[in-house]
Amino acid sequence: MARDSCLARVTAGVAVGGAVGGAVGAVYGTYEAIRFKVHV
């Protein structure tokens, strides 16, 4: 029981970390693209 709880917490942590990292990366990437006037 405790092992499943630990695995669930790790999985949730990875999901949250990935979501936050992706969001920060998208915002930073957009900022850099605008700053360097990169037009696709």
Protein backbone atom coordinates (compact mmCIF):
# COMPACT_ATOMS: atom_id res chain seq x y z
CA MET A 1 0.00 0.00 0.00
CA ALA A 2 2.76 2.45 0.94
CA ARG A 3 4.70 1.59 -2.21
CA ASP A 4 1.74 2.42 -4.47
CA SER A 5 1.28 5.71 -2.63
CA CYS A 6 4.94 6.57 -3.14
CA LEU A 7 4.77 5.68 -6.83
CA ALA A 8 1.62 7.79 -7.23
CA ARG A 9 3.37 10.74 -5.58
CA VAL A 10 6.40 10.38 -7.84
CA THR A 11 4.17 10.14 -10.91
CA ALA A 12 2.20 13.21 -9.83
CA GLY A 13 5.44 15.09 -9.18
CA VAL A 14 6.77 14.24 -12.63
CA ALA A 15 3.48 15.34 -14.23
CA VAL A 16 3.40 18.64 -12.35
CA GLY A 17 7.09 19.29 -12.97
CA GLY A 18 6.71 18.57 -16.67
CA ALA A 19 3.68 20.84 -16.94
CA VAL A 20 5.37 23.70 -15.09
CA GLY A 21 8.60 23.26 -17.04
CA GLY A 22 6.75 23.17 -20.34
CA ALA A 23 4.78 26.29 -19.49
CA VAL A 24 7.88 28.19 -18.40
CA GLY A 25 9.73 27.03 -21.51
CA ALA A 26 6.90 28.14 -23.79
CA VAL A 27 6.71 31.57 -22.17
CA TYR A 28 10.49 32.04 -22.22
CA GLY A 29 10.75 30.80 -25.79
CA THR A 30 8.03 33.18 -26.93
CA TYR A 31 9.74 36.06 -25.12
CA GLU A 32 13.09 35.27 -26.74
CA ALA A 33 11.49 34.95 -30.19
CA ILE A 34 9.83 38.36 -29.82
CA ARG A 35 13.00 39.90 -28.40
CA PHE A 36 15.11 38.72 -31.33
CA LYS A 37 12.26 39.45 -33.79
CA VAL A 38 12.17 35.89 -35.11
CA HIS A 39 9.24 35.59 -37.52
CA VAL A 40 8.28 32.14 -38.71
